[in-house]
């Protein structure tokens, strides 16, 4: 078999795992933020800000991983 096919397959699996991991991470983050805001409604602004920052960091890491997967597929 052509080694290039394995690179495409690995990049596809890597991208899929990245998206699944980011989805689970943001889902867990949002769940914890909603639970925290229901327990302490007066801290809603701080909780929301922390949640948005953490979600942006998760998205940044997943975008980096997807770029690496694309580079592996195109090499």
N, C-alpha and C. Protein backbone atom coordinates (compact mmCIF):
# COMPACT_ATOMS: atom_id res chain seq x y z
N UNK A 1 0.83 -1.19 0.00
CA UNK A 1 0.00 0.00 0.00
C UNK A 1 0.87 1.25 0.00
N UNK A 2 0.26 2.29 -0.47
CA UNK A 2 0.96 3.57 -0.54
C UNK A 2 1.05 4.22 0.85
N UNK A 3 2.24 4.62 1.27
CA UNK A 3 2.36 5.26 2.59
C UNK A 3 1.57 6.57 2.69
N UNK A 4 1.31 7.19 1.57
CA UNK A 4 0.54 8.43 1.58
C UNK A 4 -0.89 8.19 2.04
N UNK A 5 -1.42 7.01 1.72
CA UNK A 5 -2.77 6.68 2.19
C UNK A 5 -2.82 6.58 3.71
N UNK A 6 -1.75 6.05 4.30
CA UNK A 6 -1.70 5.98 5.76
C UNK A 6 -1.63 7.38 6.38
N UNK A 7 -0.95 8.30 5.70
CA UNK A 7 -0.87 9.67 6.20
C UNK A 7 -2.26 10.32 6.17
N UNK A 8 -3.00 10.09 5.09
CA UNK A 8 -4.37 10.63 5.02
C UNK A 8 -5.26 10.02 6.09
N UNK A 9 -5.12 8.72 6.31
CA UNK A 9 -5.91 8.04 7.32
C UNK A 9 -5.57 8.54 8.73
N UNK A 10 -4.29 8.69 9.01
CA UNK A 10 -3.87 9.19 10.32
C UNK A 10 -4.33 10.62 10.54
N UNK A 11 -4.26 11.44 9.51
CA UNK A 11 -4.72 12.83 9.63
C UNK A 11 -6.22 12.88 9.87
N UNK A 12 -6.96 12.02 9.20
CA UNK A 12 -8.41 11.97 9.41
C UNK A 12 -8.77 11.53 10.81
N UNK A 13 -8.10 10.50 11.31
CA UNK A 13 -8.35 10.06 12.68
C UNK A 13 -7.94 11.12 13.69
N UNK A 14 -6.82 11.77 13.43
CA UNK A 14 -6.36 12.83 14.34
C UNK A 14 -7.34 13.98 14.38
N UNK A 15 -7.85 14.38 13.23
CA UNK A 15 -8.82 15.48 13.18
C UNK A 15 -10.11 15.08 13.89
N UNK A 16 -10.56 13.85 13.69
CA UNK A 16 -11.78 13.39 14.34
C UNK A 16 -11.62 13.36 15.85
N UNK A 17 -10.50 12.84 16.33
CA UNK A 17 -10.26 12.81 17.78
C UNK A 17 -10.16 14.21 18.36
N UNK A 18 -9.57 15.13 17.60
CA UNK A 18 -9.46 16.51 18.06
C UNK A 18 -10.83 17.15 18.22
N UNK A 19 -11.69 16.98 17.24
CA UNK A 19 -13.02 17.57 17.30
C UNK A 19 -13.85 16.93 18.41
N UNK A 20 -13.76 15.63 18.55
CA UNK A 20 -14.51 14.95 19.62
C UNK A 20 -14.02 15.41 20.99
N UNK A 21 -12.71 15.49 21.15
CA UNK A 21 -12.16 15.93 22.43
C UNK A 21 -12.54 17.36 22.77
N UNK A 22 -12.49 18.24 21.78
CA UNK A 22 -12.88 19.63 22.02
C UNK A 22 -14.36 19.73 22.36
N UNK A 23 -15.19 18.94 21.70
CA UNK A 23 -16.62 18.94 21.99
C UNK A 23 -16.92 18.48 23.40
N UNK A 24 -16.26 17.40 23.82
CA UNK A 24 -16.45 16.92 25.19
C UNK A 24 -15.93 17.93 26.20
N UNK A 25 -14.80 18.54 25.91
CA UNK A 25 -14.22 19.50 26.84
C UNK A 25 -15.09 20.73 27.02
N UNK A 26 -15.60 21.28 25.93
CA UNK A 26 -16.46 22.45 26.02
C UNK A 26 -17.80 22.08 26.65
N UNK A 27 -18.29 20.89 26.37
CA UNK A 27 -19.54 20.44 27.00
C UNK A 27 -19.40 20.31 28.50
N UNK A 28 -18.29 19.74 28.94
CA UNK A 28 -18.05 19.61 30.38
C UNK A 28 -17.86 20.98 31.02
N UNK A 29 -17.18 21.86 30.33
CA UNK A 29 -16.97 23.22 30.82
C UNK A 29 -18.29 23.97 30.97
N UNK A 30 -19.14 23.88 29.97
CA UNK A 30 -20.43 24.57 30.03
C UNK A 30 -21.32 23.97 31.10
N UNK A 31 -21.27 22.67 31.26
CA UNK A 31 -22.06 22.02 32.31
C UNK A 31 -21.64 22.49 33.69
N UNK A 32 -20.34 22.55 33.93
CA UNK A 32 -19.85 23.01 35.22
C UNK A 32 -20.18 24.48 35.45
N UNK A 33 -20.11 25.29 34.41
CA UNK A 33 -20.42 26.71 34.55
C UNK A 33 -21.91 26.92 34.85
N UNK A 34 -22.76 26.15 34.19
CA UNK A 34 -24.19 26.28 34.46
C UNK A 34 -24.53 25.84 35.87
N UNK A 35 -23.89 24.77 36.34
CA UNK A 35 -24.13 24.32 37.70
C UNK A 35 -23.63 25.35 38.71
N UNK A 36 -22.47 25.92 38.44
CA UNK A 36 -21.92 26.92 39.36
C UNK A 36 -22.79 28.18 39.38
N UNK A 37 -23.30 28.58 38.22
CA UNK A 37 -24.14 29.78 38.19
C UNK A 37 -25.49 29.54 38.84
N UNK A 38 -25.97 28.30 38.84
CA UNK A 38 -27.23 28.03 39.52
C UNK A 38 -27.03 27.98 41.04
N UNK A 39 -25.82 27.62 41.47
CA UNK A 39 -25.55 27.60 42.90
C UNK A 39 -25.27 29.00 43.44
N UNK A 40 -24.62 29.84 42.64
CA UNK A 40 -24.28 31.20 43.05
C UNK A 40 -24.64 32.18 41.94
N UNK A 41 -25.89 32.59 41.87
CA UNK A 41 -26.30 33.50 40.79
C UNK A 41 -25.60 34.85 40.83
N UNK A 42 -25.13 35.27 41.99
CA UNK A 42 -24.47 36.58 42.08
C UNK A 42 -23.09 36.57 41.43
N UNK A 43 -22.51 35.41 41.21
CA UNK A 43 -21.19 35.30 40.59
C UNK A 43 -21.28 34.97 39.11
N UNK A 44 -22.43 35.21 38.51
CA UNK A 44 -22.64 34.82 37.12
C UNK A 44 -21.66 35.48 36.15
N UNK A 45 -21.37 36.76 36.34
CA UNK A 45 -20.46 37.46 35.44
C UNK A 45 -19.06 36.89 35.46
N UNK A 46 -18.54 36.61 36.66
CA UNK A 46 -17.20 36.03 36.77
C UNK A 46 -17.15 34.62 36.20
N UNK A 47 -18.19 33.85 36.44
CA UNK A 47 -18.24 32.48 35.92
C UNK A 47 -18.29 32.50 34.40
N UNK A 48 -19.11 33.39 33.84
CA UNK A 48 -19.23 33.48 32.38
C UNK A 48 -17.90 33.88 31.75
N UNK A 49 -17.23 34.85 32.36
CA UNK A 49 -15.93 35.30 31.82
C UNK A 49 -14.91 34.17 31.85
N UNK A 50 -14.85 33.46 32.96
CA UNK A 50 -13.92 32.34 33.07
C UNK A 50 -14.25 31.24 32.06
N UNK A 51 -15.55 30.99 31.86
CA UNK A 51 -15.97 29.97 30.92
C UNK A 51 -15.57 30.35 29.49
N UNK A 52 -15.76 31.60 29.11
CA UNK A 52 -15.42 32.04 27.75
C UNK A 52 -13.92 31.95 27.52
N UNK A 53 -13.12 32.34 28.52
CA UNK A 53 -11.67 32.25 28.38
C UNK A 53 -11.23 30.79 28.24
N UNK A 54 -11.78 29.92 29.05
CA UNK A 54 -11.41 28.50 28.97
C UNK A 54 -11.86 27.88 27.65
N UNK A 55 -13.05 28.25 27.18
CA UNK A 55 -13.52 27.73 25.89
C UNK A 55 -12.62 28.21 24.75
N UNK A 56 -12.16 29.45 24.83
CA UNK A 56 -11.25 29.96 23.80
C UNK A 56 -9.93 29.21 23.81
N UNK A 57 -9.44 28.87 25.00
CA UNK A 57 -8.21 28.09 25.07
C UNK A 57 -8.39 26.69 24.50
N UNK A 58 -9.52 26.07 24.78
CA UNK A 58 -9.80 24.74 24.22
C UNK A 58 -9.88 24.82 22.70
N UNK A 59 -10.56 25.84 22.19
CA UNK A 59 -10.67 26.00 20.74
C UNK A 59 -9.31 26.27 20.10
N UNK A 60 -8.46 27.03 20.79
CA UNK A 60 -7.12 27.30 20.26
C UNK A 60 -6.28 26.04 20.14
N UNK A 61 -6.34 25.21 21.16
CA UNK A 61 -5.59 23.96 21.14
C UNK A 61 -6.12 23.02 20.06
N UNK A 62 -7.45 22.97 19.92
CA UNK A 62 -8.01 22.08 18.90
C UNK A 62 -7.71 22.60 17.49
N UNK A 63 -7.69 23.91 17.31
CA UNK A 63 -7.33 24.46 16.00
C UNK A 63 -5.88 24.13 15.68
N UNK A 64 -5.00 24.25 16.67
CA UNK A 64 -3.60 23.90 16.46
C UNK A 64 -3.47 22.43 16.06
N UNK A 65 -4.20 21.55 16.74
CA UNK A 65 -4.13 20.12 16.42
C UNK A 65 -4.67 19.85 15.02
N UNK A 66 -5.72 20.55 14.62
CA UNK A 66 -6.25 20.36 13.27
C UNK A 66 -5.28 20.85 12.20
N UNK A 67 -4.58 21.94 12.47
CA UNK A 67 -3.57 22.42 11.53
C UNK A 67 -2.44 21.40 11.39
N UNK A 68 -2.03 20.80 12.50
CA UNK A 68 -1.00 19.77 12.44
C UNK A 68 -1.48 18.57 11.62
N UNK A 69 -2.74 18.18 11.80
CA UNK A 69 -3.29 17.06 11.03
C UNK A 69 -3.32 17.39 9.54
N UNK A 70 -3.69 18.60 9.19
CA UNK A 70 -3.71 19.00 7.79
C UNK A 70 -2.31 19.01 7.21
N UNK A 71 -1.35 19.52 7.98
CA UNK A 71 0.04 19.52 7.50
C UNK A 71 0.56 18.10 7.29
N UNK A 72 0.17 17.18 8.18
CA UNK A 72 0.59 15.79 8.01
C UNK A 72 -0.04 15.17 6.75
N UNK A 73 -1.28 15.55 6.48
CA UNK A 73 -1.94 14.98 5.31
C UNK A 73 -1.36 15.54 4.01
N UNK A 74 -0.92 16.78 4.03
CA UNK A 74 -0.42 17.39 2.80
C UNK A 74 1.07 17.14 2.55
N UNK A 75 1.75 16.60 3.53
CA UNK A 75 3.19 16.37 3.37
C UNK A 75 3.48 15.12 2.58
